[in-house]
Amino acid sequence: ESDDMSPMSVRSSLELLSAAYSVHPGFGEARIVEASTQCRPTLSNNLPCIRQLAPRVLQINALYRHGFLIAPAMLDAVMELMEKGHSALAREWNLAIETV
């Protein structure tokens, strides 16, 4: 939520790596190939949104800092939307679906 374009801080990398290790100790043996940071894409309310621009043309925005975590669930909702024209998952998660 800032315009900070600086490299990753020690604090943020420690928080991320500690969280990964607490999820599974196997991460302790992982190798870090690259550590990159920049601004995260978000909308003004920090909530993800699916926008239908045209039939079968979707724009999925604002996954923000949780993008890696919620991308699989977002894909499930999008697939359901494409197959059925609506998504019970999106409704259950209060996920915005807009027609532009």
PDB file of N, CA and C in Angstrom:
ATOM      1  N   GLU A   1       0.816  -1.196   0.000  1.00  0.00           N
ATOM      2  CA  GLU A   1       0.000   0.000   0.000  1.00  0.00           C
ATOM      3  C   GLU A   1       0.852   1.249   0.000  1.00  0.00           C
ATOM      4  N   SER A   2       2.009   1.132  -0.554  1.00  0.00           N
ATOM      5  CA  SER A   2       2.867   2.307  -0.623  1.00  0.00           C
ATOM      6  C   SER A   2       3.492   2.375  -2.009  1.00  0.00           C
ATOM      7  N   ASP A   3       4.154   3.471  -2.248  1.00  0.00           N
ATOM      8  CA  ASP A   3       4.857   3.649  -3.513  1.00  0.00           C
ATOM      9  C   ASP A   3       6.321   3.261  -3.380  1.00  0.00           C
ATOM     10  N   ASP A   4       6.651   2.482  -2.368  1.00  0.00           N
ATOM     11  CA  ASP A   4       8.025   2.082  -2.096  1.00  0.00           C
ATOM     12  C   ASP A   4       8.526   1.144  -3.192  1.00  0.00           C
ATOM     13  N   MET A   5       9.511   1.584  -3.924  1.00  0.00           N
ATOM     14  CA  MET A   5      10.085   0.780  -5.001  1.00  0.00           C
ATOM     15  C   MET A   5      11.479   0.262  -4.624  1.00  0.00           C
ATOM     16  N   SER A   6      11.821   0.320  -3.338  1.00  0.00           N
ATOM     17  CA  SER A   6      13.147  -0.103  -2.900  1.00  0.00           C
ATOM     18  C   SER A   6      13.239  -1.628  -2.838  1.00  0.00           C
ATOM     19  N   PRO A   7      14.464  -2.163  -2.750  1.00  0.00           N
ATOM     20  CA  PRO A   7      14.633  -3.614  -2.636  1.00  0.00           C
ATOM     21  C   PRO A   7      14.024  -4.155  -1.343  1.00  0.00           C
ATOM     22  N   MET A   8      13.908  -5.462  -1.272  1.00  0.00           N
ATOM     23  CA  MET A   8      13.319  -6.131  -0.109  1.00  0.00           C
ATOM     24  C   MET A   8      14.110  -5.806   1.153  1.00  0.00           C
ATOM     25  N   SER A   9      13.393  -5.526   2.228  1.00  0.00           N
ATOM     26  CA  SER A   9      14.052  -5.258   3.509  1.00  0.00           C
ATOM     27  C   SER A   9      14.335  -6.572   4.229  1.00  0.00           C
ATOM     28  N   VAL A  10      15.277  -6.540   5.151  1.00  0.00           N
ATOM     29  CA  VAL A  10      15.581  -7.720   5.959  1.00  0.00           C
ATOM     30  C   VAL A  10      14.333  -8.137   6.730  1.00  0.00           C
ATOM     31  N   ARG A  11      13.626  -7.160   7.288  1.00  0.00           N
ATOM     32  CA  ARG A  11      12.426  -7.469   8.072  1.00  0.00           C
ATOM     33  C   ARG A  11      11.374  -8.206   7.239  1.00  0.00           C
ATOM     34  N   SER A  12      11.085  -7.694   6.046  1.00  0.00           N
ATOM     35  CA  SER A  12      10.048  -8.339   5.236  1.00  0.00           C
ATOM     36  C   SER A  12      10.483  -9.732   4.792  1.00  0.00           C
ATOM     37  N   SER A  13      11.759  -9.905   4.477  1.00  0.00           N
ATOM     38  CA  SER A  13      12.211 -11.236   4.073  1.00  0.00           C
ATOM     39  C   SER A  13      12.180 -12.210   5.252  1.00  0.00           C
ATOM     40  N   LEU A  14      12.552 -11.744   6.446  1.00  0.00           N
ATOM     41  CA  LEU A  14      12.483 -12.613   7.624  1.00  0.00           C
ATOM     42  C   LEU A  14      11.047 -13.012   7.943  1.00  0.00           C
ATOM     43  N   GLU A  15      10.115 -12.063   7.825  1.00  0.00           N
ATOM     44  CA  GLU A  15       8.707 -12.373   8.086  1.00  0.00           C
ATOM     45  C   GLU A  15       8.190 -13.408   7.090  1.00  0.00           C
ATOM     46  N   LEU A  16       8.516 -13.221   5.821  1.00  0.00           N
ATOM     47  CA  LEU A  16       8.064 -14.150   4.786  1.00  0.00           C
ATOM     48  C   LEU A  16       8.668 -15.535   4.993  1.00  0.00           C
ATOM     49  N   LEU A  17       9.968 -15.597   5.227  1.00  0.00           N
ATOM     50  CA  LEU A  17      10.634 -16.884   5.390  1.00  0.00           C
ATOM     51  C   LEU A  17      10.204 -17.588   6.668  1.00  0.00           C
ATOM     52  N   SER A  18       9.976 -16.846   7.736  1.00  0.00           N
ATOM     53  CA  SER A  18       9.489 -17.445   8.983  1.00  0.00           C
ATOM     54  C   SER A  18       8.103 -18.040   8.788  1.00  0.00           C
ATOM     55  N   ALA A  19       7.254 -17.320   8.055  1.00  0.00           N
ATOM     56  CA  ALA A  19       5.904 -17.826   7.785  1.00  0.00           C
ATOM     57  C   ALA A  19       5.973 -19.101   6.947  1.00  0.00           C
ATOM     58  N   ALA A  20       6.830 -19.115   5.936  1.00  0.00           N
ATOM     59  CA  ALA A  20       6.971 -20.311   5.097  1.00  0.00           C
ATOM     60  C   ALA A  20       7.456 -21.492   5.933  1.00  0.00           C
ATOM     61  N   TYR A  21       8.432 -21.266   6.793  1.00  0.00           N
ATOM     62  CA  TYR A  21       8.970 -22.335   7.634  1.00  0.00           C
ATOM     63  C   TYR A  21       7.921 -22.855   8.609  1.00  0.00           C
ATOM     64  N   SER A  22       7.077 -21.959   9.132  1.00  0.00           N
ATOM     65  CA  SER A  22       6.044 -22.404  10.072  1.00  0.00           C
ATOM     66  C   SER A  22       4.974 -23.238   9.366  1.00  0.00           C
ATOM     67  N   VAL A  23       4.762 -22.996   8.074  1.00  0.00           N
ATOM     68  CA  VAL A  23       3.817 -23.812   7.306  1.00  0.00           C
ATOM     69  C   VAL A  23       4.380 -25.215   7.118  1.00  0.00           C
ATOM     70  N   HIS A  24       5.676 -25.298   6.794  1.00  0.00           N
ATOM     71  CA  HIS A  24       6.315 -26.607   6.630  1.00  0.00           C
ATOM     72  C   HIS A  24       7.822 -26.457   6.830  1.00  0.00           C
ATOM     73  N   PRO A  25       8.396 -27.208   7.777  1.00  0.00           N
ATOM     74  CA  PRO A  25       9.830 -27.103   8.059  1.00  0.00           C
ATOM     75  C   PRO A  25      10.719 -27.423   6.855  1.00  0.00           C
ATOM     76  N   GLY A  26      10.185 -28.109   5.867  1.00  0.00           N
ATOM     77  CA  GLY A  26      10.957 -28.413   4.666  1.00  0.00           C
ATOM     78  C   GLY A  26      11.439 -27.167   3.945  1.00  0.00           C
ATOM     79  N   PHE A  27      10.731 -26.048   4.142  1.00  0.00           N
ATOM     80  CA  PHE A  27      11.175 -24.800   3.529  1.00  0.00           C
ATOM     81  C   PHE A  27      12.539 -24.372   4.066  1.00  0.00           C
ATOM     82  N   GLY A  28      12.926 -24.885   5.222  1.00  0.00           N
ATOM     83  CA  GLY A  28      14.219 -24.542   5.800  1.00  0.00           C
ATOM     84  C   GLY A  28      15.390 -24.983   4.934  1.00  0.00           C
ATOM     85  N   GLU A  29      15.183 -25.975   4.087  1.00  0.00           N
ATOM     86  CA  GLU A  29      16.236 -26.474   3.200  1.00  0.00           C
ATOM     87  C   GLU A  29      16.130 -25.904   1.786  1.00  0.00           C
ATOM     88  N   ALA A  30      15.132 -25.066   1.552  1.00  0.00           N
ATOM     89  CA  ALA A  30      14.938 -24.494   0.215  1.00  0.00           C
ATOM     90  C   ALA A  30      16.051 -23.508  -0.116  1.00  0.00           C
ATOM     91  N   ARG A  31      16.278 -23.303  -1.386  1.00  0.00           N
ATOM     92  CA  ARG A  31      17.264 -22.335  -1.860  1.00  0.00           C
ATOM     93  C   ARG A  31      16.541 -21.128  -2.424  1.00  0.00           C
ATOM     94  N   ILE A  32      17.022 -19.952  -2.089  1.00  0.00           N
ATOM     95  CA  ILE A  32      16.430 -18.714  -2.591  1.00  0.00           C
ATOM     96  C   ILE A  32      17.167 -18.337  -3.866  1.00  0.00           C
ATOM     97  N   VAL A  33      16.463 -18.372  -4.969  1.00  0.00           N
ATOM     98  CA  VAL A  33      17.055 -18.054  -6.262  1.00  0.00           C
ATOM     99  C   VAL A  33      17.052 -16.551  -6.480  1.00  0.00           C
ATOM    100  N   GLU A  34      15.972 -15.902  -6.051  1.00  0.00           N
ATOM    101  CA  GLU A  34      15.844 -14.459  -6.256  1.00  0.00           C
ATOM    102  C   GLU A  34      14.868 -13.912  -5.222  1.00  0.00           C
ATOM    103  N   ALA A  35      15.118 -12.711  -4.756  1.00  0.00           N
ATOM    104  CA  ALA A  35      14.193 -12.008  -3.861  1.00  0.00           C
ATOM    105  C   ALA A  35      13.896 -10.648  -4.482  1.00  0.00           C
ATOM    106  N   SER A  36      12.677 -10.471  -4.953  1.00  0.00           N
ATOM    107  CA  SER A  36      12.289  -9.233  -5.634  1.00  0.00           C
ATOM    108  C   SER A  36      11.061  -8.637  -4.974  1.00  0.00           C
ATOM    109  N   THR A  37      10.998  -7.340  -4.977  1.00  0.00           N
ATOM    110  CA  THR A  37       9.816  -6.645  -4.472  1.00  0.00           C
ATOM    111  C   THR A  37       9.547  -5.439  -5.350  1.00  0.00           C
ATOM    112  N   GLN A  38       8.339  -5.004  -5.347  1.00  0.00           N
ATOM    113  CA  GLN A  38       7.923  -3.768  -6.001  1.00  0.00           C
ATOM    114  C   GLN A  38       6.501  -3.491  -5.532  1.00  0.00           C
ATOM    115  N   CYS A  39       5.885  -2.546  -6.146  1.00  0.00           N
ATOM    116  CA  CYS A  39       4.506  -2.222  -5.783  1.00  0.00           C
ATOM    117  C   CYS A  39       3.590  -3.366  -6.187  1.00  0.00           C
ATOM    118  N   ARG A  40       2.559  -3.582  -5.380  1.00  0.00           N
ATOM    119  CA  ARG A  40       1.612  -4.652  -5.653  1.00  0.00           C
ATOM    120  C   ARG A  40       0.357  -4.076  -6.299  1.00  0.00           C
ATOM    121  N   PRO A  41      -0.184  -4.759  -7.306  1.00  0.00           N
ATOM    122  CA  PRO A  41      -1.395  -4.256  -7.947  1.00  0.00           C
ATOM    123  C   PRO A  41      -2.589  -4.395  -7.014  1.00  0.00           C
ATOM    124  N   THR A  42      -3.334  -3.337  -6.879  1.00  0.00           N
ATOM    125  CA  THR A  42      -4.515  -3.379  -6.024  1.00  0.00           C
ATOM    126  C   THR A  42      -5.519  -2.341  -6.484  1.00  0.00           C
ATOM    127  N   LEU A  43      -6.736  -2.538  -6.103  1.00  0.00           N
ATOM    128  CA  LEU A  43      -7.769  -1.533  -6.306  1.00  0.00           C
ATOM    129  C   LEU A  43      -7.842  -0.689  -5.043  1.00  0.00           C
ATOM    130  N   SER A  44      -8.601   0.371  -5.070  1.00  0.00           N
ATOM    131  CA  SER A  44      -8.643   1.284  -3.920  1.00  0.00           C
ATOM    132  C   SER A  44      -9.157   0.615  -2.647  1.00  0.00           C
ATOM    133  N   ASN A  45      -9.964  -0.445  -2.761  1.00  0.00           N
ATOM    134  CA  ASN A  45     -10.486  -1.124  -1.567  1.00  0.00           C
ATOM    135  C   ASN A  45      -9.658  -2.349  -1.174  1.00  0.00           C
ATOM    136  N   ASN A  46      -8.571  -2.614  -1.890  1.00  0.00           N
ATOM    137  CA  ASN A  46      -7.666  -3.746  -1.634  1.00  0.00           C
ATOM    138  C   ASN A  46      -8.324  -5.115  -1.789  1.00  0.00           C
ATOM    139  N   LEU A  47      -9.454  -5.191  -2.480  1.00  0.00           N
ATOM    140  CA  LEU A  47     -10.144  -6.463  -2.677  1.00  0.00           C
ATOM    141  C   LEU A  47      -9.993  -6.928  -4.122  1.00  0.00           C
ATOM    142  N   PRO A  48      -9.898  -8.242  -4.337  1.00  0.00           N
ATOM    143  CA  PRO A  48      -9.797  -8.747  -5.702  1.00  0.00           C
ATOM    144  C   PRO A  48     -11.114  -8.579  -6.452  1.00  0.00           C
ATOM    145  N   CYS A  49     -11.034  -8.577  -7.776  1.00  0.00           N
ATOM    146  CA  CYS A  49     -12.218  -8.359  -8.597  1.00  0.00           C
ATOM    147  C   CYS A  49     -12.068  -9.095  -9.922  1.00  0.00           C
ATOM    148  N   ILE A  50     -13.168  -9.675 -10.381  1.00  0.00           N
ATOM    149  CA  ILE A  50     -13.236 -10.265 -11.713  1.00  0.00           C
ATOM    150  C   ILE A  50     -14.109  -9.338 -12.541  1.00  0.00           C
ATOM    151  N   ARG A  51     -13.585  -8.887 -13.672  1.00  0.00           N
ATOM    152  CA  ARG A  51     -14.351  -8.007 -14.558  1.00  0.00           C
ATOM    153  C   ARG A  51     -14.562  -8.718 -15.886  1.00  0.00           C
ATOM    154  N   GLN A  52     -15.813  -8.764 -16.303  1.00  0.00           N
ATOM    155  CA  GLN A  52     -16.119  -9.351 -17.603  1.00  0.00           C
ATOM    156  C   GLN A  52     -16.190  -8.224 -18.618  1.00  0.00           C
ATOM    157  N   LEU A  53     -15.190  -8.156 -19.503  1.00  0.00           N
ATOM    158  CA  LEU A  53     -15.093  -7.079 -20.482  1.00  0.00           C
ATOM    159  C   LEU A  53     -15.927  -7.360 -21.727  1.00  0.00           C
ATOM    160  N   ALA A  54     -16.066  -8.633 -22.062  1.00  0.00           N
ATOM    161  CA  ALA A  54     -16.849  -9.080 -23.215  1.00  0.00           C
ATOM    162  C   ALA A  54     -17.128 -10.563 -22.987  1.00  0.00           C
ATOM    163  N   PRO A  55     -17.986 -11.166 -23.796  1.00  0.00           N
ATOM    164  CA  PRO A  55     -18.194 -12.607 -23.626  1.00  0.00           C
ATOM    165  C   PRO A  55     -16.857 -13.355 -23.726  1.00  0.00           C
ATOM    166  N   ARG A  56     -16.565 -14.147 -22.735  1.00  0.00           N
ATOM    167  CA  ARG A  56     -15.342 -14.954 -22.655  1.00  0.00           C
ATOM    168  C   ARG A  56     -14.059 -14.131 -22.561  1.00  0.00           C
ATOM    169  N   VAL A  57     -14.177 -12.868 -22.183  1.00  0.00           N
ATOM    170  CA  VAL A  57     -13.000 -12.021 -21.949  1.00  0.00           C
ATOM    171  C   VAL A  57     -13.087 -11.504 -20.518  1.00  0.00           C
ATOM    172  N   LEU A  58     -12.195 -11.992 -19.682  1.00  0.00           N
ATOM    173  CA  LEU A  58     -12.197 -11.612 -18.270  1.00  0.00           C
ATOM    174  C   LEU A  58     -10.911 -10.885 -17.906  1.00  0.00           C
ATOM    175  N   GLN A  59     -11.032  -9.991 -16.958  1.00  0.00           N
ATOM    176  CA  GLN A  59      -9.885  -9.285 -16.388  1.00  0.00           C
ATOM    177  C   GLN A  59      -9.904  -9.591 -14.893  1.00  0.00           C
ATOM    178  N   ILE A  60      -8.820 -10.156 -14.394  1.00  0.00           N
ATOM    179  CA  ILE A  60      -8.739 -10.515 -12.977  1.00  0.00           C
ATOM    180  C   ILE A  60      -7.684  -9.620 -12.351  1.00  0.00           C
ATOM    181  N   ASN A  61      -8.110  -8.764 -11.441  1.00  0.00           N
ATOM    182  CA  ASN A  61      -7.225  -7.736 -10.884  1.00  0.00           C
ATOM    183  C   ASN A  61      -7.179  -7.797  -9.366  1.00  0.00           C
ATOM    184  N   ALA A  62      -6.181  -7.105  -8.862  1.00  0.00           N
ATOM    185  CA  ALA A  62      -6.084  -6.744  -7.448  1.00  0.00           C
ATOM    186  C   ALA A  62      -5.924  -7.924  -6.512  1.00  0.00           C
ATOM    187  N   LEU A  63      -5.115  -8.894  -6.899  1.00  0.00           N
ATOM    188  CA  LEU A  63      -4.840  -9.978  -5.961  1.00  0.00           C
ATOM    189  C   LEU A  63      -3.896  -9.508  -4.863  1.00  0.00           C
ATOM    190  N   TYR A  64      -3.244  -8.386  -5.076  1.00  0.00           N
ATOM    191  CA  TYR A  64      -2.485  -7.678  -4.059  1.00  0.00           C
ATOM    192  C   TYR A  64      -1.454  -8.600  -3.420  1.00  0.00           C
ATOM    193  N   ARG A  65      -1.198  -8.476  -2.150  1.00  0.00           N
ATOM    194  CA  ARG A  65      -0.139  -9.238  -1.492  1.00  0.00           C
ATOM    195  C   ARG A  65      -0.483 -10.711  -1.319  1.00  0.00           C
ATOM    196  N   HIS A  66      -1.752 -11.054  -1.467  1.00  0.00           N
ATOM    197  CA  HIS A  66      -2.179 -12.430  -1.244  1.00  0.00           C
ATOM    198  C   HIS A  66      -2.326 -13.208  -2.552  1.00  0.00           C
ATOM    199  N   GLY A  67      -1.839 -12.657  -3.643  1.00  0.00           N
ATOM    200  CA  GLY A  67      -2.021 -13.263  -4.952  1.00  0.00           C
ATOM    201  C   GLY A  67      -1.592 -14.709  -5.053  1.00  0.00           C
ATOM    202  N   PHE A  68      -0.436 -15.047  -4.509  1.00  0.00           N
ATOM    203  CA  PHE A  68       0.032 -16.424  -4.595  1.00  0.00           C
ATOM    204  C   PHE A  68      -0.866 -17.362  -3.805  1.00  0.00           C
ATOM    205  N   LEU A  69      -1.448 -16.858  -2.734  1.00  0.00           N
ATOM    206  CA  LEU A  69      -2.288 -17.701  -1.893  1.00  0.00           C
ATOM    207  C   LEU A  69      -3.685 -17.894  -2.462  1.00  0.00           C
ATOM    208  N   ILE A  70      -4.269 -16.840  -3.006  1.00  0.00           N
ATOM    209  CA  ILE A  70      -5.660 -16.950  -3.442  1.00  0.00           C
ATOM    210  C   ILE A  70      -5.822 -17.234  -4.928  1.00  0.00           C
ATOM    211  N   ALA A  71      -4.741 -17.250  -5.688  1.00  0.00           N
ATOM    212  CA  ALA A  71      -4.857 -17.494  -7.129  1.00  0.00           C
ATOM    213  C   ALA A  71      -5.546 -18.823  -7.452  1.00  0.00           C
ATOM    214  N   PRO A  72      -5.247 -19.938  -6.772  1.00  0.00           N
ATOM    215  CA  PRO A  72      -5.957 -21.185  -7.093  1.00  0.00           C
ATOM    216  C   PRO A  72      -7.467 -21.090  -6.832  1.00  0.00           C
ATOM    217  N   ALA A  73      -7.856 -20.458  -5.738  1.00  0.00           N
ATOM    218  CA  ALA A  73      -9.285 -20.294  -5.441  1.00  0.00           C
ATOM    219  C   ALA A  73      -9.936 -19.356  -6.448  1.00  0.00           C
ATOM    220  N   MET A  74      -9.215 -18.322  -6.834  1.00  0.00           N
ATOM    221  CA  MET A  74      -9.729 -17.385  -7.831  1.00  0.00           C
ATOM    222  C   MET A  74      -9.947 -18.115  -9.153  1.00  0.00           C
ATOM    223  N   LEU A  75      -9.031 -18.988  -9.525  1.00  0.00           N
ATOM    224  CA  LEU A  75      -9.182 -19.760 -10.753  1.00  0.00           C
ATOM    225  C   LEU A  75     -10.428 -20.638 -10.691  1.00  0.00           C
ATOM    226  N   ASP A  76     -10.678 -21.271  -9.545  1.00  0.00           N
ATOM    227  CA  ASP A  76     -11.891 -22.086  -9.395  1.00  0.00           C
ATOM    228  C   ASP A  76     -13.144 -21.249  -9.625  1.00  0.00           C
ATOM    229  N   ALA A  77     -13.175 -20.057  -9.055  1.00  0.00           N
ATOM    230  CA  ALA A  77     -14.334 -19.173  -9.223  1.00  0.00           C
ATOM    231  C   ALA A  77     -14.475 -18.734 -10.678  1.00  0.00           C
ATOM    232  N   VAL A  78     -13.368 -18.423 -11.333  1.00  0.00           N
ATOM    233  CA  VAL A  78     -13.401 -17.992 -12.734  1.00  0.00           C
ATOM    234  C   VAL A  78     -13.865 -19.133 -13.637  1.00  0.00           C
ATOM    235  N   MET A  79     -13.357 -20.334 -13.403  1.00  0.00           N
ATOM    236  CA  MET A  79     -13.783 -21.480 -14.214  1.00  0.00           C
ATOM    237  C   MET A  79     -15.279 -21.730 -14.047  1.00  0.00           C
ATOM    238  N   GLU A  80     -15.763 -21.625 -12.824  1.00  0.00           N
ATOM    239  CA  GLU A  80     -17.191 -21.798 -12.568  1.00  0.00           C
ATOM    240  C   GLU A  80     -17.996 -20.708 -13.285  1.00  0.00           C
ATOM    241  N   LEU A  81     -17.502 -19.493 -13.247  1.00  0.00           N
ATOM    242  CA  LEU A  81     -18.165 -18.375 -13.923  1.00  0.00           C
ATOM    243  C   LEU A  81     -18.223 -18.614 -15.433  1.00  0.00           C
ATOM    244  N   MET A  82     -17.133 -19.098 -16.000  1.00  0.00           N
ATOM    245  CA  MET A  82     -17.098 -19.342 -17.443  1.00  0.00           C
ATOM    246  C   MET A  82     -18.003 -20.502 -17.845  1.00  0.00           C
ATOM    247  N   GLU A  83     -18.069 -21.535 -17.016  1.00  0.00           N
ATOM    248  CA  GLU A  83     -18.870 -22.712 -17.348  1.00  0.00           C
ATOM    249  C   GLU A  83     -20.362 -22.495 -17.123  1.00  0.00           C
ATOM    250  N   LYS A  84     -20.723 -21.784 -16.049  1.00  0.00           N
ATOM    251  CA  LYS A  84     -22.127 -21.668 -15.652  1.00  0.00           C
ATOM    252  C   LYS A  84     -22.720 -20.277 -15.825  1.00  0.00           C
ATOM    253  N   GLY A  85     -21.859 -19.281 -16.033  1.00  0.00           N
ATOM    254  CA  GLY A  85     -22.353 -17.914 -16.142  1.00  0.00           C
ATOM    255  C   GLY A  85     -22.532 -17.227 -14.803  1.00  0.00           C
ATOM    256  N   HIS A  86     -22.263 -17.939 -13.735  1.00  0.00           N
ATOM    257  CA  HIS A  86     -22.306 -17.390 -12.374  1.00  0.00           C
ATOM    258  C   HIS A  86     -21.357 -18.224 -11.521  1.00  0.00           C
ATOM    259  N   SER A  87     -21.068 -17.749 -10.329  1.00  0.00           N
ATOM    260  CA  SER A  87     -20.145 -18.479  -9.464  1.00  0.00           C
ATOM    261  C   SER A  87     -20.631 -18.465  -8.026  1.00  0.00           C
ATOM    262  N   ALA A  88     -21.027 -19.632  -7.553  1.00  0.00           N
ATOM    263  CA  ALA A  88     -21.413 -19.771  -6.147  1.00  0.00           C
ATOM    264  C   ALA A  88     -20.201 -19.528  -5.246  1.00  0.00           C
ATOM    265  N   LEU A  89     -19.025 -19.939  -5.719  1.00  0.00           N
ATOM    266  CA  LEU A  89     -17.808 -19.713  -4.933  1.00  0.00           C
ATOM    267  C   LEU A  89     -17.549 -18.222  -4.756  1.00  0.00           C
ATOM    268  N   ALA A  90     -17.662 -17.466  -5.836  1.00  0.00           N
ATOM    269  CA  ALA A  90     -17.443 -16.019  -5.754  1.00  0.00           C
ATOM    270  C   ALA A  90     -18.453 -15.384  -4.812  1.00  0.00           C
ATOM    271  N   ARG A  91     -19.686 -15.832  -4.888  1.00  0.00           N
ATOM    272  CA  ARG A  91     -20.719 -15.291  -3.999  1.00  0.00           C
ATOM    273  C   ARG A  91     -20.403 -15.640  -2.537  1.00  0.00           C
ATOM    274  N   GLU A  92     -19.981 -16.879  -2.309  1.00  0.00           N
ATOM    275  CA  GLU A  92     -19.635 -17.327  -0.954  1.00  0.00           C
ATOM    276  C   GLU A  92     -18.475 -16.519  -0.376  1.00  0.00           C
ATOM    277  N   TRP A  93     -17.522 -16.159  -1.224  1.00  0.00           N
ATOM    278  CA  TRP A  93     -16.340 -15.416  -0.770  1.00  0.00           C
ATOM    279  C   TRP A  93     -16.507 -13.909  -0.881  1.00  0.00           C
ATOM    280  N   ASN A  94     -17.696 -13.443  -1.258  1.00  0.00           N
ATOM    281  CA  ASN A  94     -17.951 -12.005  -1.461  1.00  0.00           C
ATOM    282  C   ASN A  94     -16.982 -11.403  -2.468  1.00  0.00           C
ATOM    283  N   LEU A  95     -16.686 -12.160  -3.498  1.00  0.00           N
ATOM    284  CA  LEU A  95     -15.772 -11.725  -4.541  1.00  0.00           C
ATOM    285  C   LEU A  95     -16.537 -10.910  -5.571  1.00  0.00           C
ATOM    286  N   ALA A  96     -16.059  -9.730  -5.856  1.00  0.00           N
ATOM    287  CA  ALA A  96     -16.741  -8.848  -6.804  1.00  0.00           C
ATOM    288  C   ALA A  96     -16.609  -9.376  -8.226  1.00  0.00           C
ATOM    289  N   ILE A  97     -17.745  -9.441  -8.920  1.00  0.00           N
ATOM    290  CA  ILE A  97     -17.769  -9.764 -10.344  1.00  0.00           C
ATOM    291  C   ILE A  97     -18.501  -8.623 -11.019  1.00  0.00           C
ATOM    292  N   GLU A  98     -17.795  -7.918 -11.892  1.00  0.00           N
ATOM    293  CA  GLU A  98     -18.363  -6.745 -12.555  1.00  0.00           C
ATOM    294  C   GLU A  98     -18.424  -6.979 -14.057  1.00  0.00           C
ATOM    295  N   THR A  99     -19.459  -6.463 -14.673  1.00  0.00           N
ATOM    296  CA  THR A  99     -19.550  -6.455 -16.128  1.00  0.00           C
ATOM    297  C   THR A  99     -19.266  -5.038 -16.585  1.00  0.00           C
ATOM    298  N   VAL A 100     -18.264  -4.904 -17.442  1.00  0.00           N
ATOM    299  CA  VAL A 100     -17.848  -3.575 -17.894  1.00  0.00           C
ATOM    300  C   VAL A 100     -18.386  -3.320 -19.285  1.00  0.00           C
TER     301      VAL A 100
END
